[in-house]
Every structure is written in C-alpha cells, then in structure tokens.
C-alpha cells in the first residue's frame, strides 16, 4: 500500500510537557496556546424586548411559560440534582457493599427532595414535576420497606 503519499500520512508526535524527568523546566518547551473565551450564545428571536420601568422599581421576574402555566423547558441541572439526591438516598436505604444501611440519613435526603417539591411547585416544567414526583414516591416506598 505504498502509493507515494506515505510522507503525508505520517503522524507527528510533539512533547508538550514543560518539565523533564528531573522536574526542571525544559529548554525546548512549546509556547502555551492562547485561551479563547467562548462566544456568548445569540439572543433568541422570540425573546421579548426589555420593558422600560418608569417608577424605579423592577418588575418581578417570571419564567417563560408554555400555555398551561408551566415553564417552557426542562433544566438538565435540576434533573441531575434530583437524580443525585435520589441515588444517595437509595444507597443509604439499600445498604450497598461498602456502605451500611442508614435509613435516618436517607430520610433526611427524602425530606430535602420533599422541600424542593413544595418550594418549586408551579415553577417546574411538567417533565420536571413528573421526575421529582416519581423519585419521591419510589424513595418513600423504599423507606417504608427499610423501616420495617
């Protein structure tokens, strides 16, 4: 398969370490690459123009809604928070290898999720509400089983 383009297909390996084996700065170290800040995302065309406030008091901030009074999008960070707290509580309830069962600590995490549900009621998307409700239901059922 030597077709004359072998020189173009070779891979060049460049050592980008700044220090040698002894921990001293290398003379032939590469120059650092400049770090570029990411560009801000473009503004959505559907975003309403900012309102002018005459009285000096700012209007209350409201989440954008999608018709039925629920926020328009699901936050991946919110879902990750619920999943993380739920997994920790499940580990404490089931007593996985290396971790003993600790139902009282699990109850604390379940209570945190309950407070989160109460305090965010009306501000979550339907998917977020469903996820939080399902996680709480499953954890409460596990807690009842573990408490017997």
Protein backbone atom coordinates (compact mmCIF):
# COMPACT_ATOMS: atom_id res chain seq x y z
CA UNK A 1 0.00 0.00 0.00
CA UNK A 2 2.90 2.31 -0.66
CA UNK A 3 1.33 4.78 -3.07
CA UNK A 4 3.75 7.69 -2.72
CA UNK A 5 1.64 9.56 -0.13
CA UNK A 6 3.33 7.87 2.79
CA UNK A 7 5.03 11.10 3.91
CA UNK A 8 1.64 12.85 4.15
CA UNK A 9 0.12 10.07 6.28
CA UNK A 10 2.78 10.07 9.00
CA UNK A 11 1.81 11.17 12.44
CA UNK A 12 3.96 13.72 14.19
CA UNK A 13 4.18 13.40 17.97
CA UNK A 14 5.01 16.60 19.85
CA UNK A 15 6.02 16.51 23.50
CA UNK A 16 4.13 19.39 25.12
CA UNK A 17 5.36 18.81 28.67
CA UNK A 18 7.10 21.77 30.24
CA UNK A 19 9.26 19.75 32.64
CA UNK A 20 11.78 16.96 32.16
CA UNK A 21 12.25 13.75 34.21
CA UNK A 22 14.04 15.64 36.97
CA UNK A 23 11.32 18.27 37.33
CA UNK A 24 13.32 21.03 35.68
CA UNK A 25 11.90 23.33 33.02
CA UNK A 26 12.69 22.09 29.52
CA UNK A 27 14.57 24.45 27.22
CA UNK A 28 12.56 23.32 24.17
CA UNK A 29 9.12 23.52 25.77
CA UNK A 30 6.31 24.65 23.46
CA UNK A 31 4.73 28.05 23.86
CA UNK A 32 1.34 27.96 25.58
CA UNK A 33 -1.65 28.33 23.31
CA UNK A 34 -3.79 31.40 23.94
CA UNK A 35 -7.12 30.57 25.54
CA UNK A 36 -10.13 31.98 23.73
CA UNK A 37 -13.26 32.82 25.65
CA UNK A 38 -16.38 31.18 24.24
CA UNK A 39 -18.71 33.47 22.36
CA UNK A 40 -22.00 34.23 24.11
CA UNK A 41 -24.99 32.47 22.59
CA UNK A 42 -27.09 34.58 20.23
CA UNK A 43 -30.26 36.04 21.65
CA UNK A 44 -33.42 34.20 20.70
CA UNK A 45 -35.68 35.93 18.24
CA UNK A 46 -38.70 35.12 20.43
CA UNK A 47 -37.27 36.93 23.45
CA UNK A 48 -39.40 39.99 24.25
CA UNK A 49 -37.68 43.37 24.32
CA UNK A 50 -36.79 44.65 27.80
CA UNK A 51 -39.52 46.66 29.48
CA UNK A 52 -38.93 50.23 30.49
CA UNK A 53 -39.65 50.83 34.17
CA UNK A 54 -40.69 54.36 35.00
CA UNK A 55 -41.09 54.08 38.79
CA UNK A 56 -37.58 52.82 39.54
CA UNK A 57 -38.88 49.53 40.94
CA UNK A 58 -38.01 46.42 38.92
CA UNK A 59 -40.93 44.22 37.82
CA UNK A 60 -40.97 40.68 39.28
CA UNK A 61 -39.14 38.12 37.14
CA UNK A 62 -41.30 35.33 35.76
CA UNK A 63 -40.24 32.15 33.98
CA UNK A 64 -41.38 31.87 30.36
CA UNK A 65 -44.44 29.69 30.15
CA UNK A 66 -45.78 27.35 27.51
CA UNK A 67 -49.52 27.80 27.61
CA UNK A 68 -50.59 25.65 30.60
CA UNK A 69 -48.78 27.80 33.15
CA UNK A 70 -45.69 25.59 33.40
CA UNK A 71 -42.19 26.77 32.47
CA UNK A 72 -41.20 26.15 28.87
CA UNK A 73 -38.10 23.97 29.25
CA UNK A 74 -36.62 21.27 31.43
CA UNK A 75 -33.40 22.14 33.23
CA UNK A 76 -30.76 19.40 32.99
CA UNK A 77 -29.19 20.69 36.21
CA UNK A 78 -32.47 20.32 38.08
CA UNK A 79 -32.90 16.76 36.80
CA UNK A 80 -29.29 15.98 37.77
CA UNK A 81 -29.85 17.40 41.28
CA UNK A 82 -32.95 15.26 41.81
CA UNK A 83 -31.20 12.17 40.43
CA UNK A 84 -28.12 12.70 42.61
CA UNK A 85 -30.10 13.15 45.83
CA UNK A 86 -32.30 10.19 44.88
CA UNK A 87 -29.33 7.90 44.22
CA UNK A 88 -27.69 8.85 47.51
CA UNK A 89 -30.91 8.15 49.42
CA UNK A 90 -31.35 4.83 47.62
CA UNK A 91 -27.79 3.79 48.54
CA UNK A 92 -28.43 4.65 52.18
CA UNK A 93 -31.70 2.69 52.16
CA UNK A 94 -30.42 -0.43 50.41
CA UNK A 95 -27.02 -0.68 52.09
CA UNK A 96 -24.82 -1.31 49.04
CA UNK A 97 -21.47 -3.07 49.64
CA UNK A 98 -19.14 -0.73 51.48
CA UNK A 99 -21.99 1.40 52.85
CA UNK A 100 -24.20 0.31 55.75
CA UNK A 101 -27.95 0.92 55.75
CA UNK A 102 -28.68 4.30 57.27
CA UNK A 103 -32.42 4.96 56.91
CA UNK A 104 -32.35 8.11 59.05
CA UNK A 105 -29.83 9.80 56.77
CA UNK A 106 -31.83 8.62 53.76
CA UNK A 107 -34.96 10.16 55.33
CA UNK A 108 -33.11 13.49 55.53
CA UNK A 109 -32.40 13.37 51.77
CA UNK A 110 -36.02 12.38 51.06
CA UNK A 111 -37.14 15.34 53.15
CA UNK A 112 -34.83 17.62 51.12
CA UNK A 113 -36.49 16.43 47.93
CA UNK A 114 -39.92 16.97 49.53
CA UNK A 115 -39.00 20.56 50.40
CA UNK A 116 -37.71 21.04 46.86
CA UNK A 117 -41.06 19.82 45.53
CA UNK A 118 -43.00 22.14 47.82
CA UNK A 119 -40.91 25.24 47.18
CA UNK A 120 -40.78 24.82 43.39
CA UNK A 121 -44.46 23.98 42.91
CA UNK A 122 -45.80 25.92 39.92
CA UNK A 123 -42.30 26.80 38.67
CA UNK A 124 -41.33 23.46 37.13
CA UNK A 125 -41.98 22.06 33.69
CA UNK A 126 -44.35 19.10 33.57
CA UNK A 127 -41.40 16.78 32.93
CA UNK A 128 -39.51 18.12 35.97
CA UNK A 129 -42.61 17.74 38.16
CA UNK A 130 -43.09 14.16 36.95
CA UNK A 131 -39.43 13.22 37.59
CA UNK A 132 -39.42 14.72 41.09
CA UNK A 133 -42.76 13.13 41.95
CA UNK A 134 -41.66 9.67 40.74
CA UNK A 135 -38.33 9.82 42.60
CA UNK A 136 -40.08 10.87 45.82
CA UNK A 137 -42.72 8.14 45.50
CA UNK A 138 -40.10 5.42 44.95
CA UNK A 139 -37.86 6.63 47.78
CA UNK A 140 -40.74 6.91 50.24
CA UNK A 141 -41.81 3.35 49.38
CA UNK A 142 -38.24 2.11 49.89
CA UNK A 143 -38.03 3.97 53.19
CA UNK A 144 -41.21 2.30 54.46
CA UNK A 145 -39.79 -1.12 53.50
CA UNK A 146 -36.43 -0.37 55.12
CA UNK A 147 -38.07 0.84 58.34
CA UNK A 148 -39.88 -2.44 58.96
